[in-house]
Protein backbone atom coordinates (compact mmCIF):
# COMPACT_ATOMS: atom_id res chain seq x y z
CA MET A 1 70.80 62.47 60.64
CA SER A 2 71.72 62.85 64.43
CA ASN A 3 72.68 66.10 65.74
CA PRO A 4 76.50 66.33 67.12
CA VAL A 5 76.71 66.34 70.59
CA PRO A 6 78.24 69.68 71.74
CA SER A 7 81.32 68.86 73.76
CA ALA A 8 81.60 70.06 77.27
CA PRO A 9 83.47 73.00 78.23
CA SER A 10 87.04 72.40 79.48
CA VAL A 11 87.95 73.26 83.13
CA SER A 12 90.88 73.01 85.38
CA GLU A 13 91.73 72.94 88.92
CA VAL A 14 92.30 76.25 90.76
CA THR A 15 93.77 76.39 94.39
CA VAL A 16 92.35 79.83 95.86
CA TRP A 17 93.83 80.89 99.33
CA SER A 18 92.35 83.56 101.59
CA LEU A 19 94.76 85.61 103.62
CA GLU A 20 93.95 88.33 106.44
CA GLN A 21 95.03 90.65 108.85
CA THR A 22 93.50 91.25 112.21
CA SER A 23 95.29 94.58 113.61
CA PRO A 24 96.81 97.56 111.80
CA ALA A 25 100.09 96.41 113.50
CA ASP A 26 99.93 93.24 111.19
CA LEU A 27 100.75 95.57 107.88
CA ARG A 28 104.42 95.39 107.18
CA PRO A 29 104.72 98.31 104.56
CA ALA A 30 107.01 97.81 101.45
CA ALA A 31 109.44 100.33 100.51
CA VAL A 32 108.48 103.25 98.09
CA PRO A 33 109.85 102.82 94.94
CA GLU A 34 111.85 105.42 93.19
CA GLY A 35 110.47 107.79 90.62
CA ASP A 36 107.07 109.61 89.88
CA LEU A 37 104.71 107.38 91.30
CA ARG A 38 101.36 108.45 92.96
CA ILE A 39 98.16 106.68 94.45
CA VAL A 40 94.99 108.40 94.18
CA ARG A 41 91.40 107.70 94.90
CA SER A 42 88.84 107.64 92.03
CA GLU A 43 86.47 109.60 93.92
CA ILE A 44 83.71 109.49 91.18
CA PRO A 45 82.40 106.17 90.37
CA LEU A 46 82.98 105.50 86.80
CA PRO A 47 82.12 102.24 85.54
CA GLU A 48 84.29 102.86 81.97
CA PHE A 49 87.62 103.58 84.15
CA SER A 50 86.77 100.74 86.57
CA ARG A 51 86.07 98.29 83.62
CA PHE A 52 89.22 99.27 82.09
CA LEU A 53 91.22 98.62 85.19
CA TYR A 54 89.76 95.43 85.48
CA THR A 55 90.41 94.15 82.00
CA ALA A 56 93.94 95.86 82.02
CA VAL A 57 95.38 94.13 84.93
CA GLY A 58 93.32 90.85 84.58
CA GLY A 59 93.21 90.15 81.22
CA ASP A 60 96.30 87.60 81.23
CA ILE A 61 95.36 86.14 84.67
CA ARG A 62 91.96 85.11 84.12
CA TRP A 63 89.81 87.69 85.80
CA THR A 64 86.19 86.95 84.21
CA ASP A 65 83.86 87.42 87.23
CA ARG A 66 83.07 90.79 85.98
CA LEU A 67 83.02 90.66 82.37
CA GLY A 68 79.63 90.12 81.90
CA MET A 69 78.33 92.85 84.01
CA THR A 70 76.21 95.61 82.52
CA HIS A 71 76.94 99.12 82.67
CA ALA A 72 74.37 99.48 85.53
CA GLN A 73 75.57 96.59 87.40
CA TRP A 74 79.37 97.96 87.42
CA ARG A 75 77.54 101.53 88.77
CA GLU A 76 75.72 99.73 91.34
CA SER A 77 78.82 97.99 92.63
CA LEU A 78 80.83 101.04 92.60
CA GLU A 79 78.37 103.26 94.49
CA ARG A 80 77.74 101.05 97.44
CA PRO A 81 78.75 103.32 100.43
CA GLY A 82 82.53 102.51 101.38
CA VAL A 83 83.73 101.01 98.31
CA GLU A 84 86.96 102.87 97.05
CA THR A 85 89.15 102.43 94.18
CA TRP A 86 92.53 103.57 94.65
CA VAL A 87 94.96 103.98 91.49
CA ALA A 88 98.71 104.15 91.04
CA TYR A 89 100.04 106.39 88.63
CA GLU A 90 103.69 106.28 87.12
CA LYS A 91 104.02 109.38 85.27
CA GLY A 92 100.58 110.23 85.07
CA THR A 93 99.72 106.58 83.39
CA PRO A 94 97.69 104.15 85.26
CA ALA A 95 99.77 101.32 86.65
CA GLY A 96 97.49 99.44 88.72
CA TYR A 97 94.78 99.86 91.44
CA VAL A 98 92.96 98.40 94.96
CA GLU A 99 89.59 98.12 95.44
CA LEU A 100 88.00 98.02 98.50
CA ASP A 101 85.08 96.40 99.61
CA PRO A 102 83.56 97.31 102.96
CA GLN A 103 81.47 94.40 104.57
CA ASP A 104 79.91 93.93 108.26
CA ASP A 105 81.17 94.42 111.62
CA GLY A 106 84.08 96.09 110.54
CA VAL A 107 85.25 93.77 108.03
CA VAL A 108 87.06 95.26 104.69
CA GLU A 109 87.75 93.01 101.74
CA ILE A 110 90.72 93.99 99.31
CA LEU A 111 88.13 92.79 96.59
CA TYR A 112 90.74 93.31 93.59
CA PHE A 113 94.29 94.42 93.60
CA GLY A 114 96.78 94.13 90.62
CA LEU A 115 99.03 95.67 88.30
CA ILE A 116 98.87 96.09 84.52
CA PRO A 117 101.50 93.80 83.12
CA ALA A 118 103.97 96.44 81.96
CA PHE A 119 104.26 97.72 85.44
CA ARG A 120 104.87 94.12 87.20
CA GLY A 121 108.04 93.37 88.58
CA ARG A 122 109.64 97.00 89.27
CA GLY A 123 108.53 97.20 93.20
CA VAL A 124 105.15 99.04 92.26
CA GLY A 125 103.03 95.92 93.87
CA GLY A 126 104.45 96.16 97.20
CA HIS A 127 103.96 99.74 97.51
CA LEU A 128 100.19 99.47 96.17
CA LEU A 129 99.45 96.89 98.48
CA SER A 130 100.85 98.71 101.32
CA TYR A 131 99.02 101.63 100.55
CA GLY A 132 95.64 99.64 99.76
CA ALA A 133 95.81 97.90 103.04
CA ALA A 134 96.45 100.95 105.20
CA ARG A 135 93.47 102.50 103.30
CA ALA A 136 91.28 99.60 104.43
CA TRP A 137 92.26 99.95 107.99
CA ASP A 138 91.11 103.64 108.07
CA LEU A 139 88.38 103.61 105.85
CA ALA A 140 85.90 104.33 108.57
CA ASP A 141 87.47 107.56 109.03
CA ARG A 142 86.24 108.63 105.66
CA TRP A 143 83.11 106.94 105.79
CA PRO A 144 81.03 108.43 108.92
CA GLY A 145 78.90 105.80 110.74
CA ARG A 146 81.02 102.92 109.57
CA THR A 147 82.34 100.56 112.14
CA ALA A 148 86.05 100.92 112.63
CA THR A 149 88.01 98.06 110.66
CA ARG A 150 88.96 95.09 112.72
CA ARG A 151 89.87 93.15 109.96
CA VAL A 152 91.32 93.33 106.50
CA TRP A 153 91.27 90.04 104.14
CA LEU A 154 91.57 88.95 100.63
CA HIS A 155 91.76 85.93 98.33
CA THR A 156 94.45 84.85 95.90
CA CYS A 157 94.68 82.03 93.52
CA SER A 158 97.19 79.65 91.43
CA ASP A 159 96.00 81.80 88.25
CA ASP A 160 97.60 84.72 89.88
CA GLY A 161 101.11 85.92 89.11
CA PRO A 162 103.99 83.93 90.56
CA HIS A 163 104.94 87.00 92.91
CA ALA A 164 101.46 87.62 94.57
CA MET A 165 101.50 85.39 97.29
CA ASP A 166 104.90 86.05 98.31
CA ASN A 167 103.81 89.97 98.28
CA TYR A 168 100.64 89.13 100.49
CA LEU A 169 102.75 87.37 103.25
CA ARG A 170 105.73 90.16 103.21
CA ARG A 171 102.83 92.64 104.02
CA GLY A 172 101.55 90.77 107.02
CA PHE A 173 99.14 88.88 105.70
CA ARG A 174 98.30 85.46 107.24
CA LEU A 175 96.76 82.43 105.50
CA PHE A 176 93.53 81.17 106.93
CA ASP A 177 91.89 79.03 104.15
CA THR A 178 92.79 76.84 101.07
CA ARG A 179 90.48 75.57 98.84
CA THR A 180 90.31 74.01 95.40
CA GLU A 181 87.66 75.02 92.86
CA THR A 182 87.18 73.95 88.77
CA ALA A 183 86.81 76.93 86.86
CA PRO A 184 86.14 76.96 83.00
CA ASP A 185 88.72 77.51 80.88
CA VAL A 186 87.59 80.62 78.98
CA ALA A 187 89.43 83.21 77.19
CA THR A 188 90.03 86.52 78.81
CA PRO A 189 89.98 89.49 76.27
CA GLY A 190 92.14 91.96 78.31
CA PRO A 191 91.37 95.49 77.68
CA TRP A 192 90.61 94.50 73.97
CA PRO A 193 90.17 91.23 72.12
CA GLY A 194 93.94 89.88 71.42
CA ALA A 195 95.75 92.12 73.58
CA TYR A 196 97.53 89.29 75.21
CA SER A 197 98.01 86.94 72.22
CA SER A 198 101.76 88.31 71.19
């Protein structure tokens, strides 16, 4: 009796766009939405909270790169000097976040940015991106010894929400690279298994 040959996992093509700002003057801030919206830096590195934000924001748009990280790996990533997490709260409830990743020679990547689905389409994203980009530009002010920021960049992809690219372009980011990658079709559980099944 022969063993069945396992089927190869299905893959899909994903377009990845990289965008940048090369001067603080490039930033075009969005209007501040009405209501009780605050953006606060999460100053205590807390893997549990960061993983919640990551899964809650990325669960329906195929964020998978961090799902296999251990608690220690999350902590190591969050405790690197200059890494910052800025969280938007509406009426005290987390609505989304921006994670800044300082790199060499005054470069800061907006490593993660997004909103929890319940808060999308309400003007929160433009303000949060504006605020996060501004904090990328003044990051060295909070980290003595760091080189002043001279470039802020990020990437987005065809799996992201339909308004993501427009938001980046409206905030003054310019496209500098486009590539196509293949990615396995994997289930993303969100904050808990089945969270986005309905």
